[in-house]
Every structure is written in C-alpha cells, then in structure tokens.
C-alpha cells in the first residue's frame, strides 16, 4: 500500500487487497483525530430550519459537517483510482465507509461464516516440527488479527494458552517452565513470545554444534577409510618372506644347477660364472653366490630367468 497525505494525515492506499488490515489502519487514524464516531455512526442533521436553530445547535451542526467532510476526504484519498468511482457519489463518510465494507467484507451472515471458518483454523493450528518459531508466530497472530477484524474478542489468556499447547515436542520443557513459573492469567502474550524465541536460539546454537561435530566425525571416518584402503592395497602386493622361500624350495624353476667338487652340473650350468680365489671357487648367478672348496660338495642352487638375462651380459 502506498501513502496518501491529507493535510497532516497520512493514510495507506487500498488497492483491493487486505481490506481487513487497511480498515484497522484507517480506524486508528480516525480515532486519533476524533473522527471515528462520525464514520461509524454518522451524525444527525437538525430537522429545524437553520433560522430556527439555537446558537449552540448551529455550532454543533457546523462542527459535525467539518468532521464528516474531513473523514470523507481521508477515505477518498485512501482508495486507489480503480475503487474511487464506487464512493465518488457519496456525500458522507459513513455512506462511503459502509459501501466499502459491504463489498469487501460482506453482510452479517457472510461475516459470521468467515468468522466461523477462522475460529476453526485457530483451534486446529499447530506448529510443525520443521517450522521456525518466528514463522509460526507470524501465521498465528495474522489469524488472530483477522478474527478480531470480524468482531471476535480474543483474550490475552486464551492467546497465551493457544501458544503453549500448539508447540511441538521439542518445546515441551520450556512450555512446562512457563506454566509452572508464570501466572498464565496475567502474563502478556508478547512476553511468552520473547521467552520462546530465546529458547529457540539456544536450540539453534546446540543444533549448529552437533552438525559441526557430525561433519568432523564424517571427515575423520572418511580419512580413516582411505588410509586403511591404501594400506590394504599395499599389503596385498607384499608377500610374506616365508611364502617366497617356500616357492623357491619347490621344484620347477629351482635347482637348475648343482656343484660337485669343482664341476657345475645341471641344465643351466653353462650360464653360471666361476671365479677362483685360491682353493675357493665362487659360483655366481644374479647375486646368488655359492662357495665350495676344491674338494668339497655344496647344496644345489637355483637360477631364474632374470639370472639368465644378467649372466648373458657378462
């Protein structure tokens, strides 16, 4: 709604939406300038001729006419051009006000039906677990204001009770504290709202801490999993020494040459290098060495494909 200034008065512009809120604001303006009685009830014009009026009656009539004109001016300036034609021909503030109320609020029967619907919504309204307290309070008080605009008289005590019984389970503890430490017959609804909002902030703060801890544990867990996975992979490629030794001791590629005295026997004997140091003979193949005295006998040794490749280069 935009603003309209009539002298020192400022009124919101009605554009066809939220009539209930608009009329509440207009009523406040009228009351602040002692005009609401003229708007709501109008004024009676004397049935006598003006010449027959007393000085006091004439003065009162002039005052009422000025007040009514002033109130009508406020109403005319507080509606948009789209809706001004509806009241353009009305000569009193009450007539213009009643036309707007009739169109946008309805008659007594329609108002009664709307109020009954609002009462039902009020009774069944509850705060959801995933709903913020501020959002719920705004919704609840919007409903309360609509009920009041239709003539419902809601006491402060009833509003407080509604607030406390419509909260989710997470607010049970603070609701119990309020019920046991405060006088629900005298405490203001806004004071209850302040207490509840303070409790909500504590819940949010603890919730943030729990979330941070959860994320931290997830990060630690994922690092541990990655570390364990890497270790397992490395360990898979490392064979125990006894396994390697067992493979060597088996047949197949082992025992490819033997040493008897100073003679080398076996199918790969020609590829074994022999080095003599006095009476000691060194038989070497790819880092494997066997020592034998000139008259002694040693155990058999093994040579692999890698040994062959290296010996071929000597």
C-alpha atoms as a PDB file:
ATOM      1  CA  UNK A   1       0.000   0.000   0.000  1.00  0.00           C
ATOM      2  CA  UNK A   2       1.235   3.449  -0.840  1.00  0.00           C
ATOM      3  CA  UNK A   3       0.721   6.530   1.316  1.00  0.00           C
ATOM      4  CA  UNK A   4      -1.665   9.446   0.898  1.00  0.00           C
ATOM      5  CA  UNK A   5      -1.410  12.729   2.736  1.00  0.00           C
ATOM      6  CA  UNK A   6      -4.463  14.745   3.607  1.00  0.00           C
ATOM      7  CA  UNK A   7      -3.170  17.816   5.454  1.00  0.00           C
ATOM      8  CA  UNK A   8      -1.187  16.354   8.320  1.00  0.00           C
ATOM      9  CA  UNK A   9      -2.965  12.996   7.987  1.00  0.00           C
ATOM     10  CA  UNK A  10      -1.375  10.063   6.201  1.00  0.00           C
ATOM     11  CA  UNK A  11      -3.376   7.014   5.165  1.00  0.00           C
ATOM     12  CA  UNK A  12      -2.446   3.812   3.298  1.00  0.00           C
ATOM     13  CA  UNK A  13      -3.923   3.340  -0.169  1.00  0.00           C
ATOM     14  CA  UNK A  14      -6.403   0.490  -0.566  1.00  0.00           C
ATOM     15  CA  UNK A  15      -5.874  -1.360  -3.876  1.00  0.00           C
ATOM     16  CA  UNK A  16      -8.337  -4.206  -3.462  1.00  0.00           C
ATOM     17  CA  UNK A  17      -6.210  -6.459  -1.235  1.00  0.00           C
ATOM     18  CA  UNK A  18      -6.025  -6.907   2.545  1.00  0.00           C
ATOM     19  CA  UNK A  19      -9.102  -4.841   3.327  1.00  0.00           C
ATOM     20  CA  UNK A  20      -9.130  -6.064   6.932  1.00  0.00           C
ATOM     21  CA  UNK A  21      -5.680  -4.623   7.611  1.00  0.00           C
ATOM     22  CA  UNK A  22      -6.457  -1.453   5.707  1.00  0.00           C
ATOM     23  CA  UNK A  23      -9.595  -0.719   7.733  1.00  0.00           C
ATOM     24  CA  UNK A  24      -7.717  -1.305  11.002  1.00  0.00           C
ATOM     25  CA  UNK A  25      -5.172   1.356   9.992  1.00  0.00           C
ATOM     26  CA  UNK A  26      -7.927   3.751   8.906  1.00  0.00           C
ATOM     27  CA  UNK A  27      -9.773   3.266  12.203  1.00  0.00           C
ATOM     28  CA  UNK A  28      -6.620   4.216  14.107  1.00  0.00           C
ATOM     29  CA  UNK A  29      -6.267   7.404  12.070  1.00  0.00           C
ATOM     30  CA  UNK A  30      -9.926   8.314  12.592  1.00  0.00           C
ATOM     31  CA  UNK A  31      -9.696   7.743  16.354  1.00  0.00           C
ATOM     32  CA  UNK A  32      -6.519   9.782  16.662  1.00  0.00           C
ATOM     33  CA  UNK A  33      -8.401  12.776  15.233  1.00  0.00           C
ATOM     34  CA  UNK A  34     -11.732  12.150  16.952  1.00  0.00           C
ATOM     35  CA  UNK A  35     -13.436  11.178  13.696  1.00  0.00           C
ATOM     36  CA  UNK A  36     -14.310   7.514  14.175  1.00  0.00           C
ATOM     37  CA  UNK A  37     -17.741   8.159  15.709  1.00  0.00           C
ATOM     38  CA  UNK A  38     -18.708  10.237  12.665  1.00  0.00           C
ATOM     39  CA  UNK A  39     -17.519   7.478  10.294  1.00  0.00           C
ATOM     40  CA  UNK A  40     -19.149   4.611  12.178  1.00  0.00           C
ATOM     41  CA  UNK A  41     -22.453   6.224  13.219  1.00  0.00           C
ATOM     42  CA  UNK A  42     -22.722   9.357  11.111  1.00  0.00           C
ATOM     43  CA  UNK A  43     -24.407  12.420  12.577  1.00  0.00           C
ATOM     44  CA  UNK A  44     -27.952  13.679  12.760  1.00  0.00           C
ATOM     45  CA  UNK A  45     -28.901  16.848  10.999  1.00  0.00           C
ATOM     46  CA  UNK A  46     -31.399  19.099  12.774  1.00  0.00           C
ATOM     47  CA  UNK A  47     -34.963  18.900  11.437  1.00  0.00           C
ATOM     48  CA  UNK A  48     -35.465  22.561  12.120  1.00  0.00           C
ATOM     49  CA  UNK A  49     -34.718  25.256   9.657  1.00  0.00           C
ATOM     50  CA  UNK A  50     -31.349  26.851  10.172  1.00  0.00           C
ATOM     51  CA  UNK A  51     -33.005  30.094  11.238  1.00  0.00           C
ATOM     52  CA  UNK A  52     -34.817  28.259  13.993  1.00  0.00           C
ATOM     53  CA  UNK A  53     -31.645  26.677  15.416  1.00  0.00           C
ATOM     54  CA  UNK A  54     -30.106  27.981  18.573  1.00  0.00           C
ATOM     55  CA  UNK A  55     -26.577  29.230  18.531  1.00  0.00           C
ATOM     56  CA  UNK A  56     -25.318  26.036  20.238  1.00  0.00           C
ATOM     57  CA  UNK A  57     -27.203  23.788  17.797  1.00  0.00           C
ATOM     58  CA  UNK A  58     -25.865  25.746  14.867  1.00  0.00           C
ATOM     59  CA  UNK A  59     -22.304  25.455  16.196  1.00  0.00           C
ATOM     60  CA  UNK A  60     -22.631  21.687  16.747  1.00  0.00           C
ATOM     61  CA  UNK A  61     -24.013  21.211  13.233  1.00  0.00           C
ATOM     62  CA  UNK A  62     -21.063  23.091  11.741  1.00  0.00           C
ATOM     63  CA  UNK A  63     -18.594  21.022  13.752  1.00  0.00           C
ATOM     64  CA  UNK A  64     -20.191  17.747  12.609  1.00  0.00           C
ATOM     65  CA  UNK A  65     -20.193  18.832   8.985  1.00  0.00           C
ATOM     66  CA  UNK A  66     -16.494  19.730   9.158  1.00  0.00           C
ATOM     67  CA  UNK A  67     -15.617  16.441  10.859  1.00  0.00           C
ATOM     68  CA  UNK A  68     -17.619  14.436   8.349  1.00  0.00           C
ATOM     69  CA  UNK A  69     -16.045  16.219   5.391  1.00  0.00           C
ATOM     70  CA  UNK A  70     -12.635  15.657   6.850  1.00  0.00           C
ATOM     71  CA  UNK A  71     -13.291  11.924   7.380  1.00  0.00           C
ATOM     72  CA  UNK A  72     -14.763  11.583   3.877  1.00  0.00           C
ATOM     73  CA  UNK A  73     -11.673  13.267   2.452  1.00  0.00           C
ATOM     74  CA  UNK A  74      -9.441  10.732   4.207  1.00  0.00           C
ATOM     75  CA  UNK A  75     -11.465   7.829   2.820  1.00  0.00           C
ATOM     76  CA  UNK A  76     -11.453   9.238  -0.708  1.00  0.00           C
ATOM     77  CA  UNK A  77      -7.697   9.769  -0.567  1.00  0.00           C
ATOM     78  CA  UNK A  78      -7.088   6.276   0.821  1.00  0.00           C
ATOM     79  CA  UNK A  79      -8.529   4.290  -2.107  1.00  0.00           C
ATOM     80  CA  UNK A  80      -6.914   3.773  -5.490  1.00  0.00           C
ATOM     81  CA  UNK A  81      -8.375   5.244  -8.674  1.00  0.00           C
ATOM     82  CA  UNK A  82      -9.767   1.820  -9.534  1.00  0.00           C
ATOM     83  CA  UNK A  83     -12.084   1.831  -6.495  1.00  0.00           C
ATOM     84  CA  UNK A  84     -12.759   5.563  -6.132  1.00  0.00           C
ATOM     85  CA  UNK A  85     -15.781   5.511  -8.506  1.00  0.00           C
ATOM     86  CA  UNK A  86     -17.581   3.227  -6.027  1.00  0.00           C
ATOM     87  CA  UNK A  87     -17.707   6.014  -3.437  1.00  0.00           C
ATOM     88  CA  UNK A  88     -17.485   9.079  -5.673  1.00  0.00           C
ATOM     89  CA  UNK A  89     -21.164   9.981  -5.322  1.00  0.00           C
ATOM     90  CA  UNK A  90     -21.353   9.510  -1.547  1.00  0.00           C
ATOM     91  CA  UNK A  91     -21.662  12.723   0.450  1.00  0.00           C
ATOM     92  CA  UNK A  92     -20.955  11.398   3.952  1.00  0.00           C
ATOM     93  CA  UNK A  93     -18.079   9.450   5.428  1.00  0.00           C
ATOM     94  CA  UNK A  94     -20.428   6.809   6.843  1.00  0.00           C
ATOM     95  CA  UNK A  95     -22.033   6.139   3.451  1.00  0.00           C
ATOM     96  CA  UNK A  96     -18.658   5.723   1.746  1.00  0.00           C
ATOM     97  CA  UNK A  97     -17.334   3.504   4.552  1.00  0.00           C
ATOM     98  CA  UNK A  98     -20.414   1.269   4.526  1.00  0.00           C
ATOM     99  CA  UNK A  99     -20.164   0.724   0.749  1.00  0.00           C
ATOM    100  CA  UNK A 100     -16.554  -0.430   1.024  1.00  0.00           C
ATOM    101  CA  UNK A 101     -17.347  -2.723   3.957  1.00  0.00           C
ATOM    102  CA  UNK A 102     -20.349  -4.212   2.156  1.00  0.00           C
ATOM    103  CA  UNK A 103     -18.293  -5.024  -0.937  1.00  0.00           C
ATOM    104  CA  UNK A 104     -15.100  -6.286   0.666  1.00  0.00           C
ATOM    105  CA  UNK A 105     -16.326  -7.710   3.972  1.00  0.00           C
ATOM    106  CA  UNK A 106     -19.910  -8.750   3.265  1.00  0.00           C
ATOM    107  CA  UNK A 107     -23.123  -8.619   5.226  1.00  0.00           C
ATOM    108  CA  UNK A 108     -23.680 -10.010   8.718  1.00  0.00           C
ATOM    109  CA  UNK A 109     -24.331 -13.567   7.521  1.00  0.00           C
ATOM    110  CA  UNK A 110     -21.212 -13.645   5.347  1.00  0.00           C
ATOM    111  CA  UNK A 111     -19.120 -12.208   8.189  1.00  0.00           C
ATOM    112  CA  UNK A 112     -20.453 -14.850  10.546  1.00  0.00           C
ATOM    113  CA  UNK A 113     -19.480 -17.629   8.137  1.00  0.00           C
ATOM    114  CA  UNK A 114     -15.986 -16.209   7.667  1.00  0.00           C
ATOM    115  CA  UNK A 115     -15.508 -15.831  11.414  1.00  0.00           C
ATOM    116  CA  UNK A 116     -16.594 -19.425  11.986  1.00  0.00           C
ATOM    117  CA  UNK A 117     -14.012 -20.587   9.454  1.00  0.00           C
ATOM    118  CA  UNK A 118     -11.314 -18.528  11.166  1.00  0.00           C
ATOM    119  CA  UNK A 119     -12.253 -19.970  14.558  1.00  0.00           C
ATOM    120  CA  UNK A 120     -11.836 -23.476  13.186  1.00  0.00           C
ATOM    121  CA  UNK A 121      -8.415 -22.588  11.738  1.00  0.00           C
ATOM    122  CA  UNK A 122      -7.407 -21.091  15.090  1.00  0.00           C
ATOM    123  CA  UNK A 123      -8.335 -24.229  17.007  1.00  0.00           C
ATOM    124  CA  UNK A 124      -6.517 -26.617  14.676  1.00  0.00           C
ATOM    125  CA  UNK A 125      -3.410 -24.529  14.008  1.00  0.00           C
ATOM    126  CA  UNK A 126      -0.237 -26.238  15.220  1.00  0.00           C
ATOM    127  CA  UNK A 127       3.474 -25.561  14.785  1.00  0.00           C
ATOM    128  CA  UNK A 128       5.157 -28.198  12.617  1.00  0.00           C
ATOM    129  CA  UNK A 129       8.448 -29.819  13.636  1.00  0.00           C
ATOM    130  CA  UNK A 130      10.269 -28.345  10.626  1.00  0.00           C
ATOM    131  CA  UNK A 131       8.691 -24.870  11.006  1.00  0.00           C
ATOM    132  CA  UNK A 132      10.519 -21.914  12.524  1.00  0.00           C
ATOM    133  CA  UNK A 133       9.055 -20.335  15.648  1.00  0.00           C
ATOM    134  CA  UNK A 134       9.059 -16.858  14.057  1.00  0.00           C
ATOM    135  CA  UNK A 135       7.165 -18.129  11.023  1.00  0.00           C
ATOM    136  CA  UNK A 136       4.574 -19.897  13.165  1.00  0.00           C
ATOM    137  CA  UNK A 137       4.022 -16.892  15.454  1.00  0.00           C
ATOM    138  CA  UNK A 138       3.562 -14.604  12.428  1.00  0.00           C
ATOM    139  CA  UNK A 139       0.993 -17.029  10.997  1.00  0.00           C
ATOM    140  CA  UNK A 140      -0.850 -17.379  14.303  1.00  0.00           C
ATOM    141  CA  UNK A 141      -1.078 -13.635  15.003  1.00  0.00           C
ATOM    142  CA  UNK A 142      -2.176 -12.952  11.441  1.00  0.00           C
ATOM    143  CA  UNK A 143      -5.054 -15.364  12.082  1.00  0.00           C
ATOM    144  CA  UNK A 144      -5.817 -13.658  15.399  1.00  0.00           C
ATOM    145  CA  UNK A 145      -5.934 -10.218  13.738  1.00  0.00           C
ATOM    146  CA  UNK A 146      -8.316 -11.482  11.076  1.00  0.00           C
ATOM    147  CA  UNK A 147     -10.608 -12.887  13.768  1.00  0.00           C
ATOM    148  CA  UNK A 148     -10.585  -9.573  15.622  1.00  0.00           C
ATOM    149  CA  UNK A 149     -11.386  -7.682  12.413  1.00  0.00           C
ATOM    150  CA  UNK A 150     -14.547  -9.782  12.149  1.00  0.00           C
ATOM    151  CA  UNK A 151     -15.560  -8.933  15.705  1.00  0.00           C
ATOM    152  CA  UNK A 152     -14.054 -11.848  17.657  1.00  0.00           C
ATOM    153  CA  UNK A 153     -12.977 -10.997  21.191  1.00  0.00           C
ATOM    154  CA  UNK A 154      -9.829 -12.999  21.964  1.00  0.00           C
ATOM    155  CA  UNK A 155      -8.481 -12.511  25.479  1.00  0.00           C
ATOM    156  CA  UNK A 156      -4.771 -12.403  26.219  1.00  0.00           C
ATOM    157  CA  UNK A 157      -5.145 -15.506  28.402  1.00  0.00           C
ATOM    158  CA  UNK A 158      -6.633 -17.506  25.522  1.00  0.00           C
ATOM    159  CA  UNK A 159      -3.819 -16.454  23.174  1.00  0.00           C
ATOM    160  CA  UNK A 160      -1.170 -17.497  25.737  1.00  0.00           C
ATOM    161  CA  UNK A 161      -2.818 -20.881  26.204  1.00  0.00           C
ATOM    162  CA  UNK A 162      -3.005 -21.377  22.455  1.00  0.00           C
ATOM    163  CA  UNK A 163       0.695 -20.561  22.097  1.00  0.00           C
ATOM    164  CA  UNK A 164       1.782 -23.096  24.701  1.00  0.00           C
ATOM    165  CA  UNK A 165      -0.416 -26.012  23.622  1.00  0.00           C
ATOM    166  CA  UNK A 166       0.322 -25.664  19.908  1.00  0.00           C
ATOM    167  CA  UNK A 167       4.118 -26.043  20.135  1.00  0.00           C
ATOM    168  CA  UNK A 168       5.921 -29.231  19.029  1.00  0.00           C
ATOM    169  CA  UNK A 169       7.509 -31.741  21.407  1.00  0.00           C
ATOM    170  CA  UNK A 170      10.923 -30.020  21.297  1.00  0.00           C
ATOM    171  CA  UNK A 171       9.374 -27.085  23.218  1.00  0.00           C
ATOM    172  CA  UNK A 172       7.777 -29.192  25.977  1.00  0.00           C
ATOM    173  CA  UNK A 173      10.445 -28.317  28.540  1.00  0.00           C
ATOM    174  CA  UNK A 174      10.207 -24.520  28.124  1.00  0.00           C
ATOM    175  CA  UNK A 175       6.394 -24.697  27.982  1.00  0.00           C
ATOM    176  CA  UNK A 176       6.411 -26.570  31.296  1.00  0.00           C
ATOM    177  CA  UNK A 177       8.727 -23.936  32.815  1.00  0.00           C
ATOM    178  CA  UNK A 178       6.409 -21.102  31.721  1.00  0.00           C
ATOM    179  CA  UNK A 179       3.325 -22.892  33.050  1.00  0.00           C
ATOM    180  CA  UNK A 180       4.960 -23.596  36.435  1.00  0.00           C
ATOM    181  CA  UNK A 181       6.729 -20.263  36.983  1.00  0.00           C
ATOM    182  CA  UNK A 182       4.414 -17.697  35.378  1.00  0.00           C
ATOM    183  CA  UNK A 183       0.846 -16.644  36.065  1.00  0.00           C
ATOM    184  CA  UNK A 184      -0.933 -17.528  32.810  1.00  0.00           C
ATOM    185  CA  UNK A 185      -3.835 -15.245  33.740  1.00  0.00           C
ATOM    186  CA  UNK A 186      -1.673 -12.122  33.789  1.00  0.00           C
ATOM    187  CA  UNK A 187       1.413 -12.747  31.657  1.00  0.00           C
ATOM    188  CA  UNK A 188       1.304 -10.928  28.321  1.00  0.00           C
ATOM    189  CA  UNK A 189       1.378 -12.972  25.118  1.00  0.00           C
ATOM    190  CA  UNK A 190       4.336 -10.961  23.828  1.00  0.00           C
ATOM    191  CA  UNK A 191       6.333 -11.838  26.965  1.00  0.00           C
ATOM    192  CA  UNK A 192       5.722 -15.524  26.229  1.00  0.00           C
ATOM    193  CA  UNK A 193       6.888 -14.970  22.638  1.00  0.00           C
ATOM    194  CA  UNK A 194      10.138 -13.396  23.885  1.00  0.00           C
ATOM    195  CA  UNK A 195      10.835 -16.386  26.174  1.00  0.00           C
ATOM    196  CA  UNK A 196      10.116 -18.854  23.384  1.00  0.00           C
ATOM    197  CA  UNK A 197      12.372 -17.036  20.922  1.00  0.00           C
ATOM    198  CA  UNK A 198      15.221 -17.081  23.439  1.00  0.00           C
ATOM    199  CA  UNK A 199      14.746 -20.834  23.812  1.00  0.00           C
ATOM    200  CA  UNK A 200      14.693 -21.265  20.032  1.00  0.00           C
ATOM    201  CA  UNK A 201      18.064 -19.523  19.772  1.00  0.00           C
ATOM    202  CA  UNK A 202      19.525 -21.993  22.287  1.00  0.00           C
ATOM    203  CA  UNK A 203      18.158 -24.906  20.262  1.00  0.00           C
ATOM    204  CA  UNK A 204      19.652 -23.489  17.059  1.00  0.00           C
ATOM    205  CA  UNK A 205      23.032 -22.953  18.726  1.00  0.00           C
ATOM    206  CA  UNK A 206      23.165 -26.525  20.029  1.00  0.00           C
ATOM    207  CA  UNK A 207      21.989 -27.795  16.671  1.00  0.00           C
ATOM    208  CA  UNK A 208      24.853 -25.994  14.890  1.00  0.00           C
ATOM    209  CA  UNK A 209      27.392 -27.513  17.315  1.00  0.00           C
ATOM    210  CA  UNK A 210      26.012 -31.001  16.759  1.00  0.00           C
ATOM    211  CA  UNK A 211      26.146 -30.519  12.996  1.00  0.00           C
ATOM    212  CA  UNK A 212      29.781 -29.415  13.164  1.00  0.00           C
ATOM    213  CA  UNK A 213      30.660 -32.465  15.255  1.00  0.00           C
ATOM    214  CA  UNK A 214      28.843 -34.746  12.831  1.00  0.00           C
ATOM    215  CA  UNK A 215      30.707 -33.314   9.834  1.00  0.00           C
ATOM    216  CA  UNK A 216      34.018 -33.555  11.695  1.00  0.00           C
ATOM    217  CA  UNK A 217      33.407 -37.217  12.509  1.00  0.00           C
ATOM    218  CA  UNK A 218      32.476 -37.878   8.901  1.00  0.00           C
ATOM    219  CA  UNK A 219      35.743 -36.320   7.709  1.00  0.00           C
ATOM    220  CA  UNK A 220      37.793 -38.333  10.181  1.00  0.00           C
ATOM    221  CA  UNK A 221      35.963 -41.503   9.215  1.00  0.00           C
ATOM    222  CA  UNK A 222      36.498 -40.958   5.504  1.00  0.00           C
ATOM    223  CA  UNK A 223      40.221 -40.310   6.022  1.00  0.00           C
ATOM    224  CA  UNK A 224      40.480 -43.480   8.060  1.00  0.00           C
ATOM    225  CA  UNK A 225      38.730 -45.473   5.358  1.00  0.00           C
ATOM    226  CA  UNK A 226      41.017 -44.082   2.668  1.00  0.00           C
ATOM    227  CA  UNK A 227      44.095 -44.767   4.817  1.00  0.00           C
ATOM    228  CA  UNK A 228      43.007 -48.318   5.584  1.00  0.00           C
ATOM    229  CA  UNK A 229      42.213 -48.945   1.939  1.00  0.00           C
ATOM    230  CA  UNK A 230      45.664 -47.783   0.885  1.00  0.00           C
ATOM    231  CA  UNK A 231      47.348 -49.974   3.486  1.00  0.00           C
ATOM    232  CA  UNK A 232      45.350 -52.998   2.467  1.00  0.00           C
ATOM    233  CA  UNK A 233      46.222 -52.495  -1.155  1.00  0.00           C
ATOM    234  CA  UNK A 234      49.920 -52.226  -0.301  1.00  0.00           C
ATOM    235  CA  UNK A 235      49.776 -55.255   1.885  1.00  0.00           C
ATOM    236  CA  UNK A 236      48.108 -57.254  -0.869  1.00  0.00           C
ATOM    237  CA  UNK A 237      51.139 -56.774  -3.090  1.00  0.00           C
ATOM    238  CA  UNK A 238      53.623 -57.757  -0.386  1.00  0.00           C
ATOM    239  CA  UNK A 239      54.050 -61.476   0.065  1.00  0.00           C
ATOM    240  CA  UNK A 240      55.409 -62.857   3.332  1.00  0.00           C
ATOM    241  CA  UNK A 241      59.010 -63.921   3.259  1.00  0.00           C
ATOM    242  CA  UNK A 242      58.183 -67.496   4.143  1.00  0.00           C
ATOM    243  CA  UNK A 243      55.870 -67.641   1.092  1.00  0.00           C
ATOM    244  CA  UNK A 244      58.754 -66.569  -1.173  1.00  0.00           C
ATOM    245  CA  UNK A 245      61.032 -69.035   0.470  1.00  0.00           C
ATOM    246  CA  UNK A 246      58.513 -71.842   0.014  1.00  0.00           C
ATOM    247  CA  UNK A 247      58.239 -71.048  -3.683  1.00  0.00           C
ATOM    248  CA  UNK A 248      61.993 -71.292  -4.068  1.00  0.00           C
ATOM    249  CA  UNK A 249      62.144 -74.589  -2.263  1.00  0.00           C
ATOM    250  CA  UNK A 250      59.616 -76.161  -4.601  1.00  0.00           C
ATOM    251  CA  UNK A 251      60.608 -77.737  -7.915  1.00  0.00           C
ATOM    252  CA  UNK A 252      60.061 -76.075 -11.259  1.00  0.00           C
ATOM    253  CA  UNK A 253      62.498 -73.267 -11.750  1.00  0.00           C
ATOM    254  CA  UNK A 254      64.621 -74.098  -8.669  1.00  0.00           C
ATOM    255  CA  UNK A 255      67.637 -76.416  -8.504  1.00  0.00           C
ATOM    256  CA  UNK A 256      68.693 -75.595 -12.082  1.00  0.00           C
ATOM    257  CA  UNK A 257      72.378 -76.192 -11.331  1.00  0.00           C
ATOM    258  CA  UNK A 258      74.451 -78.047  -8.789  1.00  0.00           C
ATOM    259  CA  UNK A 259      78.053 -78.087  -7.648  1.00  0.00           C
ATOM    260  CA  UNK A 260      80.008 -81.309  -7.192  1.00  0.00           C
ATOM    261  CA  UNK A 261      83.616 -80.704  -6.404  1.00  0.00           C
ATOM    262  CA  UNK A 262      84.783 -78.136  -8.946  1.00  0.00           C
ATOM    263  CA  UNK A 263      82.236 -79.236 -11.513  1.00  0.00           C
ATOM    264  CA  UNK A 264      78.903 -77.498 -12.220  1.00  0.00           C
ATOM    265  CA  UNK A 265      76.056 -79.755 -13.113  1.00  0.00           C
ATOM    266  CA  UNK A 266      72.512 -79.089 -14.302  1.00  0.00           C
ATOM    267  CA  UNK A 267      70.781 -77.851 -17.403  1.00  0.00           C
ATOM    268  CA  UNK A 268      71.832 -74.226 -16.780  1.00  0.00           C
ATOM    269  CA  UNK A 269      75.312 -74.971 -15.603  1.00  0.00           C
ATOM    270  CA  UNK A 270      76.921 -73.293 -18.604  1.00  0.00           C
ATOM    271  CA  UNK A 271      75.423 -69.923 -17.563  1.00  0.00           C
ATOM    272  CA  UNK A 272      76.960 -69.789 -14.107  1.00  0.00           C
ATOM    273  CA  UNK A 273      80.034 -67.654 -13.643  1.00  0.00           C
ATOM    274  CA  UNK A 274      83.001 -69.243 -11.823  1.00  0.00           C
ATOM    275  CA  UNK A 275      85.589 -67.207 -10.019  1.00  0.00           C
ATOM    276  CA  UNK A 276      88.596 -68.729  -8.355  1.00  0.00           C
ATOM    277  CA  UNK A 277      90.317 -67.392  -5.286  1.00  0.00           C
ATOM    278  CA  UNK A 278      92.976 -69.908  -4.400  1.00  0.00           C
ATOM    279  CA  UNK A 279      91.329 -73.125  -3.362  1.00  0.00           C
ATOM    280  CA  UNK A 280      87.912 -71.439  -3.061  1.00  0.00           C
ATOM    281  CA  UNK A 281      85.578 -71.352  -6.020  1.00  0.00           C
ATOM    282  CA  UNK A 282      82.764 -68.788  -6.202  1.00  0.00           C
ATOM    283  CA  UNK A 283      79.799 -69.738  -8.362  1.00  0.00           C
ATOM    284  CA  UNK A 284      77.717 -66.659  -9.044  1.00  0.00           C
ATOM    285  CA  UNK A 285      74.435 -66.124 -10.771  1.00  0.00           C
ATOM    286  CA  UNK A 286      72.436 -62.845 -10.378  1.00  0.00           C
ATOM    287  CA  UNK A 287      73.633 -62.046  -6.879  1.00  0.00           C
ATOM    288  CA  UNK A 288      73.486 -65.654  -5.691  1.00  0.00           C
ATOM    289  CA  UNK A 289      76.794 -66.997  -4.598  1.00  0.00           C
ATOM    290  CA  UNK A 290      77.902 -70.443  -3.535  1.00  0.00           C
ATOM    291  CA  UNK A 291      81.255 -71.208  -2.048  1.00  0.00           C
ATOM    292  CA  UNK A 292      82.903 -74.596  -2.457  1.00  0.00           C
ATOM    293  CA  UNK A 293      86.332 -75.852  -1.593  1.00  0.00           C
ATOM    294  CA  UNK A 294      88.190 -77.600  -4.299  1.00  0.00           C
ATOM    295  CA  UNK A 295      87.346 -80.969  -2.857  1.00  0.00           C
ATOM    296  CA  UNK A 296      84.031 -80.119  -1.185  1.00  0.00           C
ATOM    297  CA  UNK A 297      80.394 -80.517  -2.205  1.00  0.00           C
ATOM    298  CA  UNK A 298      77.698 -77.923  -1.781  1.00  0.00           C
ATOM    299  CA  UNK A 299      73.918 -77.927  -1.913  1.00  0.00           C
ATOM    300  CA  UNK A 300      72.192 -77.201  -5.134  1.00  0.00           C
ATOM    301  CA  UNK A 301      71.353 -73.572  -6.097  1.00  0.00           C
ATOM    302  CA  UNK A 302      68.654 -72.095  -8.292  1.00  0.00           C
ATOM    303  CA  UNK A 303      68.783 -69.699 -11.208  1.00  0.00           C
ATOM    304  CA  UNK A 304      65.857 -67.748 -12.627  1.00  0.00           C
ATOM    305  CA  UNK A 305      65.074 -66.087 -15.961  1.00  0.00           C
ATOM    306  CA  UNK A 306      66.319 -62.793 -14.578  1.00  0.00           C
ATOM    307  CA  UNK A 307      69.572 -64.525 -13.628  1.00  0.00           C
ATOM    308  CA  UNK A 308      69.938 -65.768 -17.161  1.00  0.00           C
ATOM    309  CA  UNK A 309      69.473 -62.314 -18.630  1.00  0.00           C
ATOM    310  CA  UNK A 310      72.079 -60.818 -16.341  1.00  0.00           C
ATOM    311  CA  UNK A 311      74.601 -63.630 -16.894  1.00  0.00           C
ATOM    312  CA  UNK A 312      74.288 -63.257 -20.624  1.00  0.00           C
ATOM    313  CA  UNK A 313      75.623 -59.716 -20.289  1.00  0.00           C
ATOM    314  CA  UNK A 314      78.843 -60.860 -18.537  1.00  0.00           C
END
